[in-house]
Protein backbone atom coordinates (compact mmCIF):
# COMPACT_ATOMS: atom_id res chain seq x y z
CA MET A 1 1.16 127.75 -219.39
CA SER A 2 4.97 127.96 -218.25
CA GLY A 3 4.69 131.34 -218.46
CA THR A 4 1.59 132.17 -216.16
CA ASN A 5 2.77 130.50 -212.84
CA PRO A 6 6.19 132.60 -212.72
CA ASN A 7 3.49 135.42 -213.34
CA LYS A 8 1.09 134.44 -210.53
CA PHE A 9 3.84 133.78 -208.49
CA LEU A 10 5.63 137.28 -208.58
CA LYS A 11 2.20 138.98 -208.52
CA VAL A 12 1.67 137.07 -205.14
CA THR A 13 4.69 137.75 -203.57
CA ALA A 14 4.03 141.58 -204.67
CA ALA A 15 0.64 141.29 -202.90
CA LEU A 16 2.59 140.00 -199.66
CA PHE A 17 5.11 142.28 -199.85
CA LEU A 18 3.03 145.21 -199.97
CA THR A 19 0.70 144.08 -197.10
CA GLY A 20 3.42 143.40 -195.07
CA PHE A 21 5.37 147.07 -195.79
CA SER A 22 1.77 148.57 -195.44
CA PHE A 23 1.40 146.89 -191.58
CA PHE A 24 5.00 147.94 -191.16
CA VAL A 25 4.09 151.34 -191.76
CA LEU A 26 0.75 151.94 -190.23
CA LYS A 27 2.31 149.98 -186.91
CA GLU A 28 5.95 151.96 -186.71
CA LEU A 29 4.67 156.20 -188.64
CA GLN A 30 1.57 155.58 -185.56
CA SER A 31 2.76 158.66 -183.80
CA ILE A 32 2.13 160.94 -187.55
CA LEU A 33 -0.58 158.83 -189.26
CA VAL A 34 -3.23 158.86 -186.02
CA PRO A 35 -3.34 162.50 -185.90
CA LEU A 36 -3.23 163.01 -189.64
CA PHE A 37 -6.24 160.33 -189.50
CA ILE A 38 -7.92 162.45 -186.88
CA ALA A 39 -7.43 165.66 -188.30
CA ILE A 40 -8.73 164.63 -192.23
CA ILE A 41 -12.04 163.61 -190.05
CA ILE A 42 -12.14 166.98 -188.22
CA SER A 43 -11.76 169.12 -191.59
CA PHE A 44 -14.57 166.87 -193.43
CA VAL A 45 -16.78 167.99 -190.44
CA PHE A 46 -16.03 171.38 -190.18
CA LEU A 47 -15.52 171.73 -194.42
CA PRO A 48 -19.28 173.24 -194.55
CA MET A 49 -18.33 176.12 -192.37
CA TYR A 50 -15.32 176.72 -193.92
CA THR A 51 -16.87 176.60 -197.23
CA PHE A 52 -19.68 178.83 -195.65
CA LEU A 53 -17.54 181.71 -194.84
CA VAL A 54 -15.68 181.09 -198.06
CA ASN A 55 -18.69 182.23 -200.14
CA LYS A 56 -19.40 184.80 -198.09
CA LYS A 57 -16.55 186.54 -199.72
CA ILE A 58 -14.71 186.16 -196.44
CA PRO A 59 -10.75 185.40 -197.41
CA GLY A 60 -9.58 182.21 -197.31
CA VAL A 61 -6.70 182.37 -194.42
CA ALA A 62 -9.48 184.53 -192.24
CA ALA A 63 -11.63 181.66 -192.89
CA VAL A 64 -8.96 178.81 -191.66
CA ALA A 65 -8.44 180.75 -188.96
CA LEU A 66 -11.98 181.14 -188.18
CA VAL A 67 -12.58 177.22 -188.06
CA VAL A 68 -9.34 176.83 -186.18
CA LEU A 69 -10.36 179.52 -183.66
CA THR A 70 -13.74 177.40 -182.93
CA ILE A 71 -12.16 173.67 -182.71
CA PHE A 72 -9.49 175.52 -180.10
CA LEU A 73 -12.50 176.54 -178.09
CA ILE A 74 -14.43 173.36 -178.05
CA SER A 75 -11.73 171.31 -177.72
CA ASN A 76 -10.53 172.94 -174.39
CA ILE A 77 -14.39 173.14 -172.95
CA ALA A 78 -14.47 169.51 -173.91
CA SER A 79 -11.28 168.51 -172.57
CA LEU A 80 -11.89 170.96 -169.30
CA LEU A 81 -15.30 169.31 -169.01
CA ILE A 82 -13.84 165.79 -169.43
CA TYR A 83 -10.86 166.10 -167.19
CA THR A 84 -12.78 167.81 -164.18
CA SER A 85 -14.89 164.68 -164.46
CA ILE A 86 -12.55 162.22 -164.38
CA GLY A 87 -11.29 164.20 -161.24
CA THR A 88 -14.54 163.93 -159.46
CA PHE A 89 -14.67 159.91 -160.56
CA SER A 90 -11.45 159.28 -158.96
CA ASP A 91 -12.74 160.61 -155.97
CA GLN A 92 -16.19 159.10 -156.29
CA PHE A 93 -15.60 155.96 -157.10
CA PRO A 94 -13.85 153.88 -153.89
CA VAL A 95 -17.59 154.31 -152.86
CA TYR A 96 -18.53 152.08 -155.84
CA GLU A 97 -15.90 149.99 -155.63
CA LYS A 98 -17.16 149.20 -151.70
CA LYS A 99 -20.47 149.05 -152.69
CA PHE A 100 -19.87 145.89 -155.73
CA LEU A 101 -18.11 144.33 -153.13
CA ALA A 102 -20.72 144.10 -150.65
CA VAL A 103 -22.92 142.87 -153.57
CA TYR A 104 -20.39 140.28 -154.27
CA GLU A 105 -20.15 139.14 -151.07
CA SER A 106 -24.28 139.13 -150.38
CA VAL A 107 -24.35 137.24 -153.77
CA ALA A 108 -22.10 134.87 -152.61
CA ASP A 109 -23.64 134.84 -148.96
CA LYS A 110 -27.13 133.66 -150.57
CA LEU A 111 -25.70 130.97 -152.74
CA ASN A 112 -24.43 129.04 -149.54
CA LEU A 113 -21.30 128.07 -150.61
CA ASN A 114 -18.55 126.49 -148.33
CA GLU A 115 -15.25 127.75 -147.35
CA SER A 116 -13.78 125.62 -150.61
CA GLU A 117 -16.50 126.72 -153.01
CA SER A 118 -16.60 130.12 -151.75
CA ALA A 119 -12.38 130.40 -152.04
CA GLU A 120 -12.46 129.01 -155.84
CA VAL A 121 -15.24 131.20 -156.83
CA SER A 122 -13.17 134.59 -155.32
CA LYS A 123 -9.92 133.38 -156.66
CA PHE A 124 -11.37 132.99 -160.15
CA PRO A 125 -11.92 136.32 -161.49
CA ASP A 126 -9.97 137.55 -159.04
CA LEU A 127 -12.74 139.92 -157.79
CA LYS A 128 -11.62 140.56 -154.23
CA GLU A 129 -8.46 141.53 -155.06
CA LEU A 130 -9.24 143.46 -157.55
CA LEU A 131 -11.74 146.02 -155.84
CA LEU A 132 -9.55 146.34 -152.79
CA GLU A 133 -6.52 146.93 -154.25
CA GLY A 134 -7.73 149.84 -156.34
CA LYS A 135 -7.30 147.97 -159.48
CA PHE A 136 -10.50 148.77 -161.30
CA THR A 137 -10.75 152.39 -160.37
CA SER A 138 -7.09 152.58 -162.15
CA ALA A 139 -8.43 150.73 -165.35
CA ILE A 140 -11.68 152.99 -165.58
CA THR A 141 -9.71 156.05 -165.18
CA GLY A 142 -7.07 154.69 -167.65
CA LEU A 143 -9.79 154.45 -170.39
CA PHE A 144 -11.17 157.64 -169.62
CA THR A 145 -7.23 158.84 -169.89
CA GLY A 146 -6.79 157.41 -173.24
CA ILE A 147 -9.67 158.31 -174.64
CA THR A 148 -9.08 162.08 -173.89
CA GLY A 149 -5.41 161.34 -175.11
CA LEU A 150 -6.82 161.13 -178.94
CA LEU A 151 -6.28 164.92 -179.10
CA GLY A 152 -2.50 164.38 -177.78
CA ASN A 153 -0.74 165.69 -180.41
CA TYR A 154 -2.96 168.64 -180.52
CA ILE A 155 -0.62 170.83 -182.52
CA LEU A 156 0.05 168.19 -185.08
CA ILE A 157 -3.29 167.83 -185.69
CA VAL A 158 -4.46 171.88 -185.98
CA PHE A 159 -1.42 172.13 -188.55
CA TYR A 160 -2.85 169.04 -190.58
CA VAL A 161 -6.38 170.77 -190.59
CA ILE A 162 -4.95 174.58 -191.58
CA PHE A 163 -3.46 172.57 -194.65
CA LEU A 164 -5.92 169.66 -195.43
CA LEU A 165 -8.79 172.82 -195.12
CA SER A 166 -6.63 175.09 -197.32
CA GLU A 167 -6.11 172.92 -199.90
CA SER A 168 -10.24 171.82 -200.20
CA LYS A 169 -10.76 174.89 -202.41
CA SER A 170 -8.31 174.82 -205.06
CA ILE A 171 -7.80 170.97 -205.95
CA LYS A 172 -10.86 171.29 -208.75
CA LYS A 173 -9.01 174.15 -210.00
CA ARG A 174 -5.90 172.16 -210.18
CA LEU A 175 -7.31 169.25 -212.36
CA GLN A 176 -8.79 171.46 -214.79
CA ILE A 177 -5.05 172.73 -215.21
CA ALA A 178 -3.85 169.49 -215.52
CA PHE A 179 -6.06 167.86 -217.10
CA PRO A 180 -7.70 170.00 -219.80
CA ASP A 181 -9.56 167.67 -222.10
CA ASN A 182 -12.27 165.27 -221.49
CA ASP A 183 -10.21 162.93 -218.93
CA GLY A 184 -9.80 165.89 -216.56
CA GLU A 185 -13.90 166.58 -216.13
CA SER A 186 -14.08 163.00 -215.53
CA MET A 187 -11.55 163.16 -212.64
CA LYS A 188 -12.92 166.44 -211.57
CA GLU A 189 -16.60 164.64 -210.82
CA THR A 190 -14.93 161.91 -209.58
CA ILE A 191 -13.15 163.62 -206.78
CA SER A 192 -16.14 165.86 -206.31
CA ASP A 193 -18.65 162.93 -205.79
CA ILE A 194 -15.83 161.24 -203.39
CA PHE A 195 -15.42 164.79 -201.65
CA GLY A 196 -18.76 164.84 -201.17
CA GLY A 197 -19.57 161.43 -200.09
CA VAL A 198 -17.06 161.47 -197.32
CA ARG A 199 -17.74 164.81 -196.24
CA ASN A 200 -21.63 164.24 -195.86
CA TYR A 201 -20.64 160.75 -194.10
CA ILE A 202 -18.55 162.08 -191.87
CA SER A 203 -19.92 165.70 -190.74
CA GLY A 204 -23.43 163.73 -190.55
CA LYS A 205 -22.21 160.75 -188.64
CA THR A 206 -20.33 163.14 -186.23
CA LEU A 207 -23.64 165.39 -185.92
CA LEU A 208 -25.77 162.66 -185.13
CA SER A 209 -23.56 161.06 -182.44
CA PHE A 210 -23.16 164.29 -181.21
CA ILE A 211 -26.74 165.30 -180.95
CA GLN A 212 -27.32 161.73 -179.58
CA ALA A 213 -24.37 162.28 -176.80
CA VAL A 214 -26.29 165.44 -175.91
CA LEU A 215 -29.47 163.45 -175.51
CA ILE A 216 -28.47 160.94 -173.77
CA GLY A 217 -26.46 163.33 -170.96
CA LEU A 218 -29.55 165.52 -170.76
CA ILE A 219 -31.29 162.49 -169.57
CA LEU A 220 -28.82 161.37 -167.02
CA TRP A 221 -28.20 164.19 -165.87
CA ILE A 222 -32.31 164.58 -165.45
CA CYS A 223 -32.40 161.23 -163.21
CA GLY A 224 -29.90 162.03 -161.41
CA VAL A 225 -26.86 159.63 -162.38
CA ASP A 226 -23.72 160.43 -161.60
CA PHE A 227 -20.83 160.99 -164.08
CA TYR A 228 -23.17 161.76 -166.62
CA PHE A 229 -21.47 163.87 -168.52
CA ILE A 230 -18.31 160.81 -168.78
CA TRP A 231 -21.01 158.61 -169.54
CA ALA A 232 -22.34 161.24 -172.67
CA SER A 233 -19.10 161.50 -173.76
CA MET A 234 -17.95 157.28 -173.94
CA PHE A 235 -21.33 157.28 -176.06
CA PHE A 236 -20.69 159.37 -178.34
CA LEU A 237 -16.34 158.10 -179.02
CA SER A 238 -18.32 154.51 -178.52
CA ASP A 239 -20.75 155.28 -181.34
CA PHE A 240 -17.74 155.28 -184.00
CA ILE A 241 -16.97 151.75 -182.60
CA PRO A 242 -19.72 149.39 -184.05
CA ASN A 243 -22.09 147.16 -181.88
CA ILE A 244 -19.29 146.31 -179.30
CA GLY A 245 -18.44 150.02 -178.12
CA SER A 246 -22.38 151.06 -177.44
CA LEU A 247 -23.06 147.49 -175.58
CA ILE A 248 -19.98 148.68 -173.31
CA VAL A 249 -20.86 151.61 -172.51
CA SER A 250 -24.19 150.40 -171.81
CA VAL A 251 -22.94 147.81 -169.86
CA LEU A 252 -21.19 149.72 -168.12
CA VAL A 253 -23.98 152.94 -166.92
CA GLY A 254 -25.86 149.87 -166.25
CA ILE A 255 -24.11 148.51 -163.55
CA PHE A 256 -22.84 152.41 -161.78
CA MET A 257 -26.87 153.00 -162.06
CA ALA A 258 -27.64 149.67 -160.28
CA LEU A 259 -24.48 150.53 -157.45
CA GLN A 260 -25.70 153.81 -157.58
CA PHE A 261 -29.86 153.87 -157.34
CA GLU A 262 -29.31 149.92 -154.97
CA SER A 263 -32.30 149.17 -157.22
CA ILE A 264 -32.75 147.16 -160.26
CA LEU A 265 -36.66 149.19 -161.39
CA LYS A 266 -34.93 152.56 -162.26
CA PRO A 267 -31.74 151.67 -164.31
CA ALA A 268 -33.81 149.00 -165.81
CA VAL A 269 -36.16 152.15 -167.04
CA ILE A 270 -33.13 154.22 -167.46
CA LEU A 271 -31.04 151.85 -169.74
CA GLY A 272 -34.29 150.48 -171.68
CA VAL A 273 -34.91 154.84 -172.70
CA LEU A 274 -31.20 154.53 -173.82
CA ILE A 275 -31.36 151.61 -175.84
CA VAL A 276 -34.52 152.78 -177.64
CA ILE A 277 -32.60 156.32 -178.58
CA GLN A 278 -29.56 154.08 -180.18
CA ASN A 279 -31.60 151.59 -182.15
CA LEU A 280 -33.64 154.81 -183.39
CA LYS A 281 -30.89 156.42 -184.48
CA GLY A 282 -28.92 153.48 -185.83
CA ASN A 283 -31.68 151.44 -188.03
CA ILE A 284 -33.74 154.77 -188.73
CA LEU A 285 -32.21 157.93 -188.67
CA GLU A 286 -28.55 156.29 -190.43
CA PRO A 287 -30.17 154.37 -193.12
CA ARG A 288 -32.50 157.14 -194.10
CA ILE A 289 -30.09 159.37 -194.25
CA PHE A 290 -26.31 157.65 -195.37
CA GLY A 291 -28.26 155.10 -197.18
CA SER A 292 -25.40 152.39 -199.12
CA ARG A 293 -22.69 154.35 -198.19
CA LEU A 294 -23.34 153.25 -194.34
CA ASP A 295 -23.67 149.71 -195.09
CA LEU A 296 -21.02 147.89 -194.93
CA SER A 297 -20.68 144.51 -194.20
CA PRO A 298 -20.96 142.84 -190.25
CA LEU A 299 -18.03 140.71 -190.74
CA LEU A 300 -15.75 143.38 -192.24
CA LEU A 301 -16.40 145.62 -189.78
CA LEU A 302 -15.23 142.99 -186.92
CA LEU A 303 -11.96 142.65 -188.75
CA SER A 304 -11.50 145.91 -189.33
CA LEU A 305 -12.06 146.81 -185.49
CA ILE A 306 -9.48 143.74 -184.81
CA PHE A 307 -6.92 144.96 -187.26
CA TRP A 308 -6.99 148.79 -186.65
CA GLY A 309 -7.31 147.85 -183.15
CA TYR A 310 -4.35 146.09 -183.05
CA ILE A 311 -2.51 148.21 -184.73
CA TRP A 312 -3.61 151.70 -183.29
CA GLY A 313 -5.00 150.45 -180.09
CA ILE A 314 -8.46 152.20 -178.93
CA THR A 315 -7.79 155.23 -181.06
CA GLY A 316 -7.69 152.81 -184.25
CA MET A 317 -10.70 151.18 -182.77
CA ILE A 318 -12.50 154.35 -182.97
CA LEU A 319 -11.37 155.22 -186.26
CA SER A 320 -11.79 151.99 -188.19
CA VAL A 321 -15.59 152.82 -189.47
CA PRO A 322 -14.78 156.51 -190.69
CA ILE A 323 -11.58 154.85 -192.04
CA MET A 324 -13.78 151.81 -193.99
CA SER A 325 -16.31 153.66 -194.72
CA MET A 326 -14.29 156.51 -196.77
CA ILE A 327 -12.33 153.56 -198.26
CA LYS A 328 -15.46 152.19 -199.28
CA ILE A 329 -16.75 155.83 -200.94
CA ILE A 330 -13.57 156.32 -202.83
CA LEU A 331 -13.89 152.53 -204.01
CA MET A 332 -17.26 152.88 -205.44
CA ASN A 333 -16.64 156.08 -207.51
CA PHE A 334 -13.84 154.00 -209.46
CA PRO A 335 -15.29 151.24 -212.32
CA GLN A 336 -12.32 149.34 -211.60
CA THR A 337 -12.50 148.83 -207.67
CA LYS A 338 -16.70 149.17 -207.41
CA PRO A 339 -16.68 145.44 -207.34
CA ILE A 340 -14.73 145.68 -203.95
CA ALA A 341 -17.04 147.86 -202.87
CA ILE A 342 -19.90 145.72 -203.01
CA LEU A 343 -18.39 142.98 -201.42
CA MET A 344 -18.06 145.48 -198.75
CA SER A 345 -21.23 146.43 -198.85
CA TYR A 346 -23.79 144.28 -196.22
CA LYS A 347 -27.39 144.94 -197.49
CA VAL A 348 -27.35 144.14 -201.57
CA ASN A 349 -30.89 145.56 -202.15
CA THR A 350 -29.20 149.33 -201.10
CA ILE A 351 -26.48 148.70 -203.40
CA LYS A 352 -26.76 150.51 -206.70
CA LYS A 353 -25.79 149.30 -210.02
């Protein structure tokens, strides 16, 4: 018994040290690790395209070049549209500030507050000062700029993508050479399962989120909603932030539509349609397509959202679900770590024993 307590103490101390060291590394190496994780996700999104080109007897170098060219075209077109929309947003937003201020003062008048009560209400959110000094405009514009800054380290991300795609085909061959016995075959199957699971999740999730964003953008455009491209882009990115992301964007869209149309009925109908679309995708399509892979505990999602948001800011919040999903898929493929993956799940009946 005397030997067990020191061993336990050493294990706990080592675990705490590794946790602290990992936290330090993630925080301090943010400028390197964030582009790496973005590149990993981009690589998995375009891996089917790369595999298709290679299977068509196109040389690997040429296939990588075509993929990088595609990424370059898509990212530049998207950046151009987003930055143009941000410029339009900055120009027109003061009009919305004045409308919001007028609504605020109208509500205050209808409440029949005396001077002292009205002063207290105005001081509490400091709303009047916020709107008149343009701080709200700067905050929203800064949020959009921060989101587009996800691809700020563009060259580094592209280099990561090139190396990741180049390595994807040779991993299985190297495993066969390094481990020619049965263990090597088992390891190769495990790696294939991990790559297949992560690739299917990342590419499928990104495709569904993109389709949803396009559909929402079309609906907003047809209904004459201002800044429809910005809202569609935010719906796409916020779809990776569970629950909170889509809720925040939906509230923002609802407020702006109410100010634009100066009524409640049309914005309420449009918002209802958007909520239906999000629920159909989130509660019907994704569970059918991804099954237990996408099933993560809500508590785990909340904690991961807080953790990665604290470590890497809004970029970490967007990457939190893909990172946790990849970790779960990896853990599920090893018998020693499968119990941890099961604990990460929410719906017990979807877990394959």
